[in-house]
């Protein structure tokens, strides 16, 4: 038995940040291009770029800066802080879920459920 979870942040009922965007920002923060990160995540460049822009609009802050001369994207300080806080939250939640998962061990049965 495993507990699965998905966490996202909302503002006024609209999603502004999710684990997929967090993973993307982690890759950008490590120096990968948006295109390379999107390819690795198997998401189109247009989709991830649109999600970044939507999040920026809903949050009212810039999450990425683009240097037009170097054609390079970097995370803003706010995006770096958001990335860290989201990662910290995941780090705190996972042990709780693992501990709770053990409480469901009585549901383990041999074979598949019918």
PDB file of N, CA and C in Angstrom:
ATOM      1  N   UNK A   1       0.856  -1.174   0.000  1.00  0.00           N
ATOM      2  CA  UNK A   1       0.000   0.000   0.000  1.00  0.00           C
ATOM      3  C   UNK A   1       0.902   1.237   0.000  1.00  0.00           C
ATOM      4  N   UNK A   2       0.606   2.165  -0.878  1.00  0.00           N
ATOM      5  CA  UNK A   2       1.364   3.407  -0.956  1.00  0.00           C
ATOM      6  C   UNK A   2       0.411   4.590  -0.963  1.00  0.00           C
ATOM      7  N   UNK A   3       0.828   5.642  -0.309  1.00  0.00           N
ATOM      8  CA  UNK A   3       0.073   6.898  -0.354  1.00  0.00           C
ATOM      9  C   UNK A   3       0.672   7.737  -1.472  1.00  0.00           C
ATOM     10  N   UNK A   4      -0.151   8.237  -2.339  1.00  0.00           N
ATOM     11  CA  UNK A   4       0.273   9.132  -3.423  1.00  0.00           C
ATOM     12  C   UNK A   4      -0.260  10.521  -3.117  1.00  0.00           C
ATOM     13  N   UNK A   5       0.464  11.526  -3.546  1.00  0.00           N
ATOM     14  CA  UNK A   5      -0.004  12.896  -3.310  1.00  0.00           C
ATOM     15  C   UNK A   5       0.438  13.820  -4.432  1.00  0.00           C
ATOM     16  N   UNK A   6      -0.320  14.873  -4.597  1.00  0.00           N
ATOM     17  CA  UNK A   6       0.028  15.957  -5.514  1.00  0.00           C
ATOM     18  C   UNK A   6      -0.228  17.252  -4.759  1.00  0.00           C
ATOM     19  N   UNK A   7       0.741  18.136  -4.838  1.00  0.00           N
ATOM     20  CA  UNK A   7       0.617  19.420  -4.150  1.00  0.00           C
ATOM     21  C   UNK A   7       0.750  20.529  -5.170  1.00  0.00           C
ATOM     22  N   UNK A   8      -0.068  21.541  -5.042  1.00  0.00           N
ATOM     23  CA  UNK A   8       0.056  22.720  -5.870  1.00  0.00           C
ATOM     24  C   UNK A   8      -0.355  23.918  -5.047  1.00  0.00           C
ATOM     25  N   UNK A   9       0.012  25.077  -5.508  1.00  0.00           N
ATOM     26  CA  UNK A   9      -0.342  26.325  -4.840  1.00  0.00           C
ATOM     27  C   UNK A   9      -1.406  27.031  -5.666  1.00  0.00           C
ATOM     28  N   UNK A  10      -2.375  27.599  -4.975  1.00  0.00           N
ATOM     29  CA  UNK A  10      -3.431  28.352  -5.638  1.00  0.00           C
ATOM     30  C   UNK A  10      -3.501  29.756  -5.059  1.00  0.00           C
ATOM     31  N   UNK A  11      -3.959  30.664  -5.883  1.00  0.00           N
ATOM     32  CA  UNK A  11      -4.231  32.031  -5.466  1.00  0.00           C
ATOM     33  C   UNK A  11      -5.591  32.396  -6.023  1.00  0.00           C
ATOM     34  N   UNK A  12      -6.514  32.750  -5.152  1.00  0.00           N
ATOM     35  CA  UNK A  12      -7.887  33.064  -5.553  1.00  0.00           C
ATOM     36  C   UNK A  12      -8.508  31.924  -6.355  1.00  0.00           C
ATOM     37  N   UNK A  13      -8.202  30.688  -5.955  1.00  0.00           N
ATOM     38  CA  UNK A  13      -8.792  29.521  -6.598  1.00  0.00           C
ATOM     39  C   UNK A  13      -8.153  29.116  -7.912  1.00  0.00           C
ATOM     40  N   UNK A  14      -7.097  29.800  -8.334  1.00  0.00           N
ATOM     41  CA  UNK A  14      -6.412  29.459  -9.580  1.00  0.00           C
ATOM     42  C   UNK A  14      -5.023  28.913  -9.271  1.00  0.00           C
ATOM     43  N   UNK A  15      -4.678  27.821  -9.933  1.00  0.00           N
ATOM     44  CA  UNK A  15      -3.358  27.220  -9.708  1.00  0.00           C
ATOM     45  C   UNK A  15      -2.274  28.164 -10.192  1.00  0.00           C
ATOM     46  N   UNK A  16      -1.268  28.363  -9.340  1.00  0.00           N
ATOM     47  CA  UNK A  16      -0.157  29.236  -9.701  1.00  0.00           C
ATOM     48  C   UNK A  16       1.191  28.503  -9.719  1.00  0.00           C
ATOM     49  N   UNK A  17       1.245  27.339  -9.080  1.00  0.00           N
ATOM     50  CA  UNK A  17       2.524  26.627  -9.013  1.00  0.00           C
ATOM     51  C   UNK A  17       2.235  25.169  -8.684  1.00  0.00           C
ATOM     52  N   UNK A  18       2.948  24.277  -9.374  1.00  0.00           N
ATOM     53  CA  UNK A  18       2.746  22.850  -9.147  1.00  0.00           C
ATOM     54  C   UNK A  18       4.096  22.138  -9.206  1.00  0.00           C
ATOM     55  N   UNK A  19       4.083  20.867  -8.872  1.00  0.00           N
ATOM     56  CA  UNK A  19       5.336  20.116  -8.815  1.00  0.00           C
ATOM     57  C   UNK A  19       6.047  20.059 -10.169  1.00  0.00           C
ATOM     58  N   UNK A  20       5.305  19.990 -11.264  1.00  0.00           N
ATOM     59  CA  UNK A  20       5.940  19.970 -12.586  1.00  0.00           C
ATOM     60  C   UNK A  20       6.698  21.247 -12.874  1.00  0.00           C
ATOM     61  N   UNK A  21       6.119  22.377 -12.488  1.00  0.00           N
ATOM     62  CA  UNK A  21       6.793  23.660 -12.666  1.00  0.00           C
ATOM     63  C   UNK A  21       7.999  23.744 -11.739  1.00  0.00           C
ATOM     64  N   UNK A  22       7.865  23.183 -10.552  1.00  0.00           N
ATOM     65  CA  UNK A  22       8.976  23.151  -9.604  1.00  0.00           C
ATOM     66  C   UNK A  22      10.148  22.344 -10.175  1.00  0.00           C
ATOM     67  N   UNK A  23       9.835  21.209 -10.777  1.00  0.00           N
ATOM     68  CA  UNK A  23      10.881  20.388 -11.396  1.00  0.00           C
ATOM     69  C   UNK A  23      11.545  21.144 -12.546  1.00  0.00           C
ATOM     70  N   UNK A  24      10.748  21.815 -13.348  1.00  0.00           N
ATOM     71  CA  UNK A  24      11.263  22.618 -14.450  1.00  0.00           C
ATOM     72  C   UNK A  24      12.191  23.718 -13.933  1.00  0.00           C
ATOM     73  N   UNK A  25      11.765  24.425 -12.884  1.00  0.00           N
ATOM     74  CA  UNK A  25      12.587  25.489 -12.316  1.00  0.00           C
ATOM     75  C   UNK A  25      13.885  24.939 -11.735  1.00  0.00           C
ATOM     76  N   UNK A  26      13.826  23.744 -11.164  1.00  0.00           N
ATOM     77  CA  UNK A  26      15.053  23.120 -10.662  1.00  0.00           C
ATOM     78  C   UNK A  26      16.061  22.904 -11.775  1.00  0.00           C
ATOM     79  N   UNK A  27      15.569  22.460 -12.927  1.00  0.00           N
ATOM     80  CA  UNK A  27      16.450  22.233 -14.079  1.00  0.00           C
ATOM     81  C   UNK A  27      17.019  23.545 -14.603  1.00  0.00           C
ATOM     82  N   UNK A  28      16.167  24.562 -14.700  1.00  0.00           N
ATOM     83  CA  UNK A  28      16.640  25.875 -15.161  1.00  0.00           C
ATOM     84  C   UNK A  28      17.673  26.427 -14.176  1.00  0.00           C
ATOM     85  N   UNK A  29      17.410  26.250 -12.886  1.00  0.00           N
ATOM     86  CA  UNK A  29      18.342  26.716 -11.853  1.00  0.00           C
ATOM     87  C   UNK A  29      19.697  26.032 -11.926  1.00  0.00           C
ATOM     88  N   UNK A  30      19.704  24.810 -12.454  1.00  0.00           N
ATOM     89  CA  UNK A  30      20.967  24.075 -12.620  1.00  0.00           C
ATOM     90  C   UNK A  30      21.609  24.352 -13.977  1.00  0.00           C
ATOM     91  N   UNK A  31      21.084  25.342 -14.700  1.00  0.00           N
ATOM     92  CA  UNK A  31      21.717  25.775 -15.937  1.00  0.00           C
ATOM     93  C   UNK A  31      21.176  25.173 -17.212  1.00  0.00           C
ATOM     94  N   UNK A  32      20.130  24.356 -17.125  1.00  0.00           N
ATOM     95  CA  UNK A  32      19.560  23.801 -18.351  1.00  0.00           C
ATOM     96  C   UNK A  32      18.688  24.849 -19.034  1.00  0.00           C
ATOM     97  N   UNK A  33      18.626  24.775 -20.309  1.00  0.00           N
ATOM     98  CA  UNK A  33      17.756  25.680 -21.055  1.00  0.00           C
ATOM     99  C   UNK A  33      16.308  25.240 -20.879  1.00  0.00           C
ATOM    100  N   UNK A  34      15.401  26.164 -21.140  1.00  0.00           N
ATOM    101  CA  UNK A  34      13.981  25.840 -21.059  1.00  0.00           C
ATOM    102  C   UNK A  34      13.650  24.729 -22.054  1.00  0.00           C
ATOM    103  N   UNK A  35      14.214  24.805 -23.223  1.00  0.00           N
ATOM    104  CA  UNK A  35      13.944  23.796 -24.251  1.00  0.00           C
ATOM    105  C   UNK A  35      14.438  22.418 -23.813  1.00  0.00           C
ATOM    106  N   UNK A  36      15.644  22.355 -23.249  1.00  0.00           N
ATOM    107  CA  UNK A  36      16.192  21.071 -22.798  1.00  0.00           C
ATOM    108  C   UNK A  36      15.381  20.512 -21.632  1.00  0.00           C
ATOM    109  N   UNK A  37      14.990  21.386 -20.711  1.00  0.00           N
ATOM    110  CA  UNK A  37      14.194  20.944 -19.566  1.00  0.00           C
ATOM    111  C   UNK A  37      12.831  20.434 -20.018  1.00  0.00           C
ATOM    112  N   UNK A  38      12.194  21.146 -20.927  1.00  0.00           N
ATOM    113  CA  UNK A  38      10.884  20.725 -21.442  1.00  0.00           C
ATOM    114  C   UNK A  38      10.998  19.361 -22.125  1.00  0.00           C
ATOM    115  N   UNK A  39      12.048  19.180 -22.893  1.00  0.00           N
ATOM    116  CA  UNK A  39      12.254  17.914 -23.591  1.00  0.00           C
ATOM    117  C   UNK A  39      12.439  16.775 -22.595  1.00  0.00           C
ATOM    118  N   UNK A  40      13.213  17.024 -21.558  1.00  0.00           N
ATOM    119  CA  UNK A  40      13.461  15.998 -20.544  1.00  0.00           C
ATOM    120  C   UNK A  40      12.170  15.628 -19.811  1.00  0.00           C
ATOM    121  N   UNK A  41      11.304  16.611 -19.592  1.00  0.00           N
ATOM    122  CA  UNK A  41      10.030  16.370 -18.918  1.00  0.00           C
ATOM    123  C   UNK A  41       8.950  15.864 -19.872  1.00  0.00           C
ATOM    124  N   UNK A  42       9.296  15.785 -21.161  1.00  0.00           N
ATOM    125  CA  UNK A  42       8.363  15.332 -22.199  1.00  0.00           C
ATOM    126  C   UNK A  42       7.126  16.217 -22.283  1.00  0.00           C
ATOM    127  N   UNK A  43       7.381  17.527 -22.212  1.00  0.00           N
ATOM    128  CA  UNK A  43       6.337  18.539 -22.340  1.00  0.00           C
ATOM    129  C   UNK A  43       6.803  19.504 -23.427  1.00  0.00           C
ATOM    130  N   UNK A  44       5.882  20.005 -24.205  1.00  0.00           N
ATOM    131  CA  UNK A  44       6.286  20.910 -25.279  1.00  0.00           C
ATOM    132  C   UNK A  44       6.813  22.226 -24.712  1.00  0.00           C
ATOM    133  N   UNK A  45       7.731  22.811 -25.448  1.00  0.00           N
ATOM    134  CA  UNK A  45       8.310  24.107 -25.078  1.00  0.00           C
ATOM    135  C   UNK A  45       7.202  25.133 -24.915  1.00  0.00           C
ATOM    136  N   UNK A  46       6.274  25.146 -25.845  1.00  0.00           N
ATOM    137  CA  UNK A  46       5.179  26.119 -25.815  1.00  0.00           C
ATOM    138  C   UNK A  46       4.327  25.955 -24.551  1.00  0.00           C
ATOM    139  N   UNK A  47       4.072  24.714 -24.151  1.00  0.00           N
ATOM    140  CA  UNK A  47       3.268  24.449 -22.953  1.00  0.00           C
ATOM    141  C   UNK A  47       3.957  24.974 -21.696  1.00  0.00           C
ATOM    142  N   UNK A  48       5.248  24.661 -21.535  1.00  0.00           N
ATOM    143  CA  UNK A  48       5.930  25.111 -20.311  1.00  0.00           C
ATOM    144  C   UNK A  48       6.101  26.627 -20.307  1.00  0.00           C
ATOM    145  N   UNK A  49       6.381  27.202 -21.446  1.00  0.00           N
ATOM    146  CA  UNK A  49       6.512  28.658 -21.522  1.00  0.00           C
ATOM    147  C   UNK A  49       5.178  29.310 -21.162  1.00  0.00           C
ATOM    148  N   UNK A  50       4.087  28.753 -21.651  1.00  0.00           N
ATOM    149  CA  UNK A  50       2.761  29.269 -21.327  1.00  0.00           C
ATOM    150  C   UNK A  50       2.442  29.136 -19.843  1.00  0.00           C
ATOM    151  N   UNK A  51       2.837  28.033 -19.249  1.00  0.00           N
ATOM    152  CA  UNK A  51       2.595  27.845 -17.817  1.00  0.00           C
ATOM    153  C   UNK A  51       3.389  28.840 -16.983  1.00  0.00           C
ATOM    154  N   UNK A  52       4.618  29.108 -17.385  1.00  0.00           N
ATOM    155  CA  UNK A  52       5.424  30.106 -16.673  1.00  0.00           C
ATOM    156  C   UNK A  52       4.734  31.467 -16.750  1.00  0.00           C
ATOM    157  N   UNK A  53       4.334  31.860 -17.950  1.00  0.00           N
ATOM    158  CA  UNK A  53       3.679  33.165 -18.136  1.00  0.00           C
ATOM    159  C   UNK A  53       2.366  33.257 -17.356  1.00  0.00           C
ATOM    160  N   UNK A  54       1.593  32.179 -17.346  1.00  0.00           N
ATOM    161  CA  UNK A  54       0.333  32.163 -16.598  1.00  0.00           C
ATOM    162  C   UNK A  54       0.602  32.321 -15.101  1.00  0.00           C
ATOM    163  N   UNK A  55       1.595  31.607 -14.594  1.00  0.00           N
ATOM    164  CA  UNK A  55       1.944  31.709 -13.172  1.00  0.00           C
ATOM    165  C   UNK A  55       2.419  33.115 -12.824  1.00  0.00           C
ATOM    166  N   UNK A  56       3.230  33.693 -13.693  1.00  0.00           N
ATOM    167  CA  UNK A  56       3.701  35.060 -13.459  1.00  0.00           C
ATOM    168  C   UNK A  56       2.529  36.030 -13.384  1.00  0.00           C
ATOM    169  N   UNK A  57       1.604  35.897 -14.297  1.00  0.00           N
ATOM    170  CA  UNK A  57       0.450  36.788 -14.333  1.00  0.00           C
ATOM    171  C   UNK A  57      -0.398  36.631 -13.073  1.00  0.00           C
ATOM    172  N   UNK A  58      -0.677  35.394 -12.684  1.00  0.00           N
ATOM    173  CA  UNK A  58      -1.513  35.142 -11.506  1.00  0.00           C
ATOM    174  C   UNK A  58      -0.839  35.557 -10.209  1.00  0.00           C
ATOM    175  N   UNK A  59       0.479  35.395 -10.143  1.00  0.00           N
ATOM    176  CA  UNK A  59       1.224  35.781  -8.941  1.00  0.00           C
ATOM    177  C   UNK A  59       1.536  37.271  -8.907  1.00  0.00           C
ATOM    178  N   UNK A  60       1.582  37.888 -10.082  1.00  0.00           N
ATOM    179  CA  UNK A  60       1.918  39.301 -10.152  1.00  0.00           C
ATOM    180  C   UNK A  60       3.402  39.575  -9.998  1.00  0.00           C
ATOM    181  N   UNK A  61       4.230  38.569 -10.298  1.00  0.00           N
ATOM    182  CA  UNK A  61       5.688  38.719 -10.215  1.00  0.00           C
ATOM    183  C   UNK A  61       6.339  38.020 -11.400  1.00  0.00           C
ATOM    184  N   UNK A  62       7.558  38.427 -11.721  1.00  0.00           N
ATOM    185  CA  UNK A  62       8.338  37.727 -12.735  1.00  0.00           C
ATOM    186  C   UNK A  62       9.001  36.525 -12.087  1.00  0.00           C
ATOM    187  N   UNK A  63       8.998  35.408 -12.789  1.00  0.00           N
ATOM    188  CA  UNK A  63       9.646  34.197 -12.291  1.00  0.00           C
ATOM    189  C   UNK A  63      10.936  33.891 -13.045  1.00  0.00           C
ATOM    190  N   UNK A  64      11.044  34.402 -14.266  1.00  0.00           N
ATOM    191  CA  UNK A  64      12.251  34.194 -15.059  1.00  0.00           C
ATOM    192  C   UNK A  64      12.687  35.511 -15.698  1.00  0.00           C
ATOM    193  N   UNK A  65      13.980  35.622 -15.887  1.00  0.00           N
ATOM    194  CA  UNK A  65      14.574  36.730 -16.633  1.00  0.00           C
ATOM    195  C   UNK A  65      15.248  36.123 -17.851  1.00  0.00           C
ATOM    196  N   UNK A  66      15.187  36.844 -18.954  1.00  0.00           N
ATOM    197  CA  UNK A  66      15.830  36.371 -20.172  1.00  0.00           C
ATOM    198  C   UNK A  66      16.844  37.413 -20.615  1.00  0.00           C
ATOM    199  N   UNK A  67      18.077  36.963 -20.826  1.00  0.00           N
ATOM    200  CA  UNK A  67      19.120  37.818 -21.360  1.00  0.00           C
ATOM    201  C   UNK A  67      19.071  37.667 -22.877  1.00  0.00           C
ATOM    202  N   UNK A  68      18.569  38.677 -23.575  1.00  0.00           N
ATOM    203  CA  UNK A  68      18.399  38.530 -25.035  1.00  0.00           C
ATOM    204  C   UNK A  68      19.720  38.382 -25.784  1.00  0.00           C
ATOM    205  N   UNK A  69      20.804  38.899 -25.223  1.00  0.00           N
ATOM    206  CA  UNK A  69      22.098  38.813 -25.907  1.00  0.00           C
ATOM    207  C   UNK A  69      22.670  37.396 -25.828  1.00  0.00           C
ATOM    208  N   UNK A  70      22.512  36.784 -24.658  1.00  0.00           N
ATOM    209  CA  UNK A  70      23.027  35.426 -24.478  1.00  0.00           C
ATOM    210  C   UNK A  70      21.961  34.375 -24.768  1.00  0.00           C
ATOM    211  N   UNK A  71      20.734  34.832 -24.975  1.00  0.00           N
ATOM    212  CA  UNK A  71      19.595  33.930 -25.183  1.00  0.00           C
ATOM    213  C   UNK A  71      19.530  32.893 -24.078  1.00  0.00           C
ATOM    214  N   UNK A  72      19.684  33.387 -22.833  1.00  0.00           N
ATOM    215  CA  UNK A  72      19.708  32.512 -21.677  1.00  0.00           C
ATOM    216  C   UNK A  72      18.630  32.937 -20.691  1.00  0.00           C
ATOM    217  N   UNK A  73      18.007  31.959 -20.065  1.00  0.00           N
ATOM    218  CA  UNK A  73      16.975  32.204 -19.070  1.00  0.00           C
ATOM    219  C   UNK A  73      17.544  31.914 -17.687  1.00  0.00           C
ATOM    220  N   UNK A  74      17.163  32.768 -16.738  1.00  0.00           N
ATOM    221  CA  UNK A  74      17.548  32.491 -15.356  1.00  0.00           C
ATOM    222  C   UNK A  74      16.348  32.767 -14.466  1.00  0.00           C
ATOM    223  N   UNK A  75      16.341  32.121 -13.315  1.00  0.00           N
ATOM    224  CA  UNK A  75      15.261  32.310 -12.361  1.00  0.00           C
ATOM    225  C   UNK A  75      15.435  33.618 -11.615  1.00  0.00           C
ATOM    226  N   UNK A  76      14.329  34.280 -11.335  1.00  0.00           N
ATOM    227  CA  UNK A  76      14.383  35.481 -10.506  1.00  0.00           C
ATOM    228  C   UNK A  76      14.575  35.054  -9.052  1.00  0.00           C
ATOM    229  N   UNK A  77      14.897  36.007  -8.196  1.00  0.00           N
ATOM    230  CA  UNK A  77      15.043  35.705  -6.771  1.00  0.00           C
ATOM    231  C   UNK A  77      13.754  35.130  -6.194  1.00  0.00           C
ATOM    232  N   UNK A  78      12.612  35.650  -6.653  1.00  0.00           N
ATOM    233  CA  UNK A  78      11.322  35.152  -6.175  1.00  0.00           C
ATOM    234  C   UNK A  78      11.108  33.694  -6.586  1.00  0.00           C
ATOM    235  N   UNK A  79      11.500  33.351  -7.797  1.00  0.00           N
ATOM    236  CA  UNK A  79      11.364  31.969  -8.270  1.00  0.00           C
ATOM    237  C   UNK A  79      12.297  31.041  -7.497  1.00  0.00           C
ATOM    238  N   UNK A  80      13.496  31.504  -7.197  1.00  0.00           N
ATOM    239  CA  UNK A  80      14.442  30.709  -6.409  1.00  0.00           C
ATOM    240  C   UNK A  80      13.872  30.455  -5.019  1.00  0.00           C
ATOM    241  N   UNK A  81      13.272  31.488  -4.425  1.00  0.00           N
ATOM    242  CA  UNK A  81      12.668  31.343  -3.106  1.00  0.00           C
ATOM    243  C   UNK A  81      11.475  30.381  -3.164  1.00  0.00           C
ATOM    244  N   UNK A  82      10.652  30.507  -4.193  1.00  0.00           N
ATOM    245  CA  UNK A  82       9.503  29.628  -4.371  1.00  0.00           C
ATOM    246  C   UNK A  82       9.953  28.178  -4.544  1.00  0.00           C
ATOM    247  N   UNK A  83      10.979  27.963  -5.346  1.00  0.00           N
ATOM    248  CA  UNK A  83      11.548  26.637  -5.565  1.00  0.00           C
ATOM    249  C   UNK A  83      12.027  26.030  -4.245  1.00  0.00           C
ATOM    250  N   UNK A  84      12.754  26.807  -3.473  1.00  0.00           N
ATOM    251  CA  UNK A  84      13.273  26.316  -2.190  1.00  0.00           C
ATOM    252  C   UNK A  84      12.142  26.005  -1.213  1.00  0.00           C
ATOM    253  N   UNK A  85      11.174  26.899  -1.120  1.00  0.00           N
ATOM    254  CA  UNK A  85      10.069  26.693  -0.188  1.00  0.00           C
ATOM    255  C   UNK A  85       9.237  25.467  -0.580  1.00  0.00           C
ATOM    256  N   UNK A  86       9.014  25.271  -1.865  1.00  0.00           N
ATOM    257  CA  UNK A  86       8.251  24.115  -2.339  1.00  0.00           C
ATOM    258  C   UNK A  86       9.018  22.828  -2.035  1.00  0.00           C
ATOM    259  N   UNK A  87      10.335  22.839  -2.280  1.00  0.00           N
ATOM    260  CA  UNK A  87      11.165  21.671  -1.974  1.00  0.00           C
ATOM    261  C   UNK A  87      11.178  21.389  -0.482  1.00  0.00           C
ATOM    262  N   UNK A  88      11.282  22.431   0.338  1.00  0.00           N
ATOM    263  CA  UNK A  88      11.252  22.260   1.794  1.00  0.00           C
ATOM    264  C   UNK A  88       9.929  21.648   2.239  1.00  0.00           C
ATOM    265  N   UNK A  89       8.831  22.112   1.647  1.00  0.00           N
ATOM    266  CA  UNK A  89       7.516  21.593   1.984  1.00  0.00           C
ATOM    267  C   UNK A  89       7.437  20.096   1.647  1.00  0.00           C
ATOM    268  N   UNK A  90       7.909  19.720   0.471  1.00  0.00           N
ATOM    269  CA  UNK A  90       7.919  18.309   0.078  1.00  0.00           C
ATOM    270  C   UNK A  90       8.768  17.479   1.055  1.00  0.00           C
ATOM    271  N   UNK A  91       9.915  18.016   1.439  1.00  0.00           N
ATOM    272  CA  UNK A  91      10.806  17.319   2.364  1.00  0.00           C
ATOM    273  C   UNK A  91      10.131  17.085   3.714  1.00  0.00           C
ATOM    274  N   UNK A  92       9.345  18.054   4.151  1.00  0.00           N
ATOM    275  CA  UNK A  92       8.637  17.914   5.422  1.00  0.00           C
ATOM    276  C   UNK A  92       7.447  16.962   5.316  1.00  0.00           C
ATOM    277  N   UNK A  93       6.787  16.931   4.189  1.00  0.00           N
ATOM    278  CA  UNK A  93       5.579  16.118   4.023  1.00  0.00           C
ATOM    279  C   UNK A  93       5.892  14.642   3.818  1.00  0.00           C
ATOM    280  N   UNK A  94       6.947  14.322   3.088  1.00  0.00           N
ATOM    281  CA  UNK A  94       7.236  12.927   2.752  1.00  0.00           C
ATOM    282  C   UNK A  94       7.374  12.012   3.971  1.00  0.00           C
ATOM    283  N   UNK A  95       8.113  12.397   5.023  1.00  0.00           N
ATOM    284  CA  UNK A  95       8.188  11.507   6.193  1.00  0.00           C
ATOM    285  C   UNK A  95       6.822  11.281   6.859  1.00  0.00           C
ATOM    286  N   UNK A  96       5.982  12.293   6.855  1.00  0.00           N
ATOM    287  CA  UNK A  96       4.640  12.147   7.423  1.00  0.00           C
ATOM    288  C   UNK A  96       3.841  11.124   6.618  1.00  0.00           C
ATOM    289  N   UNK A  97       3.931  11.208   5.304  1.00  0.00           N
ATOM    290  CA  UNK A  97       3.213  10.268   4.453  1.00  0.00           C
ATOM    291  C   UNK A  97       3.743   8.846   4.624  1.00  0.00           C
ATOM    292  N   UNK A  98       5.058   8.705   4.709  1.00  0.00           N
ATOM    293  CA  UNK A  98       5.651   7.377   4.900  1.00  0.00           C
ATOM    294  C   UNK A  98       5.209   6.772   6.230  1.00  0.00           C
ATOM    295  N   UNK A  99       5.201   7.594   7.278  1.00  0.00           N
ATOM    296  CA  UNK A  99       4.769   7.126   8.599  1.00  0.00           C
ATOM    297  C   UNK A  99       3.303   6.702   8.557  1.00  0.00           C
ATOM    298  N   UNK A 100       2.476   7.498   7.913  1.00  0.00           N
ATOM    299  CA  UNK A 100       1.055   7.193   7.808  1.00  0.00           C
ATOM    300  C   UNK A 100       0.829   5.961   6.936  1.00  0.00           C
ATOM    301  N   UNK A 101       1.638   5.810   5.915  1.00  0.00           N
ATOM    302  CA  UNK A 101       1.529   4.659   5.014  1.00  0.00           C
ATOM    303  C   UNK A 101       1.656   3.354   5.789  1.00  0.00           C
ATOM    304  N   UNK A 102       2.532   3.333   6.774  1.00  0.00           N
ATOM    305  CA  UNK A 102       2.736   2.127   7.592  1.00  0.00           C
ATOM    306  C   UNK A 102       1.465   1.750   8.348  1.00  0.00           C
ATOM    307  N   UNK A 103       0.656   2.734   8.690  1.00  0.00           N
ATOM    308  CA  UNK A 103      -0.584   2.462   9.413  1.00  0.00           C
ATOM    309  C   UNK A 103      -1.580   1.690   8.554  1.00  0.00           C
ATOM    310  N   UNK A 104      -1.417   1.758   7.255  1.00  0.00           N
ATOM    311  CA  UNK A 104      -2.304   1.050   6.343  1.00  0.00           C
ATOM    312  C   UNK A 104      -1.804  -0.362   6.032  1.00  0.00           C
ATOM    313  N   UNK A 105      -0.748  -0.790   6.707  1.00  0.00           N
ATOM    314  CA  UNK A 105      -0.154  -2.091   6.404  1.00  0.00           C
ATOM    315  C   UNK A 105      -1.127  -3.242   6.649  1.00  0.00           C
ATOM    316  N   UNK A 106      -2.130  -3.040   7.492  1.00  0.00           N
ATOM    317  CA  UNK A 106      -3.101  -4.097   7.728  1.00  0.00           C
ATOM    318  C   UNK A 106      -3.897  -4.433   6.460  1.00  0.00           C
ATOM    319  N   UNK A 107      -3.854  -3.559   5.474  1.00  0.00           N
ATOM    320  CA  UNK A 107      -4.576  -3.796   4.228  1.00  0.00           C
ATOM    321  C   UNK A 107      -3.782  -4.649   3.248  1.00  0.00           C
ATOM    322  N   UNK A 108      -2.533  -4.926   3.582  1.00  0.00           N
ATOM    323  CA  UNK A 108      -1.708  -5.737   2.687  1.00  0.00           C
ATOM    324  C   UNK A 108      -2.224  -7.168   2.680  1.00  0.00           C
ATOM    325  N   UNK A 109      -2.434  -7.677   1.492  1.00  0.00           N
ATOM    326  CA  UNK A 109      -2.860  -9.058   1.321  1.00  0.00           C
ATOM    327  C   UNK A 109      -2.010  -9.666   0.224  1.00  0.00           C
ATOM    328  N   UNK A 110      -1.873 -10.932   0.274  1.00  0.00           N
ATOM    329  CA  UNK A 110      -1.142 -11.616  -0.790  1.00  0.00           C
ATOM    330  C   UNK A 110      -1.977 -11.635  -2.041  1.00  0.00           C
ATOM    331  N   UNK A 111      -1.329 -11.440  -3.161  1.00  0.00           N
ATOM    332  CA  UNK A 111      -2.047 -11.451  -4.431  1.00  0.00           C
ATOM    333  C   UNK A 111      -2.672 -10.111  -4.729  1.00  0.00           C
ATOM    334  N   UNK A 112      -3.449 -10.070  -5.758  1.00  0.00           N
ATOM    335  CA  UNK A 112      -4.089  -8.829  -6.211  1.00  0.00           C
ATOM    336  C   UNK A 112      -5.482  -8.716  -5.610  1.00  0.00           C
ATOM    337  N   UNK A 113      -5.938  -7.485  -5.520  1.00  0.00           N
ATOM    338  CA  UNK A 113      -7.304  -7.238  -5.064  1.00  0.00           C
ATOM    339  C   UNK A 113      -8.283  -7.670  -6.150  1.00  0.00           C
ATOM    340  N   UNK A 114      -9.420  -8.176  -5.740  1.00  0.00           N
ATOM    341  CA  UNK A 114     -10.441  -8.591  -6.716  1.00  0.00           C
ATOM    342  C   UNK A 114     -11.670  -7.767  -6.575  1.00  0.00           C
TER     343      UNK A 114
END
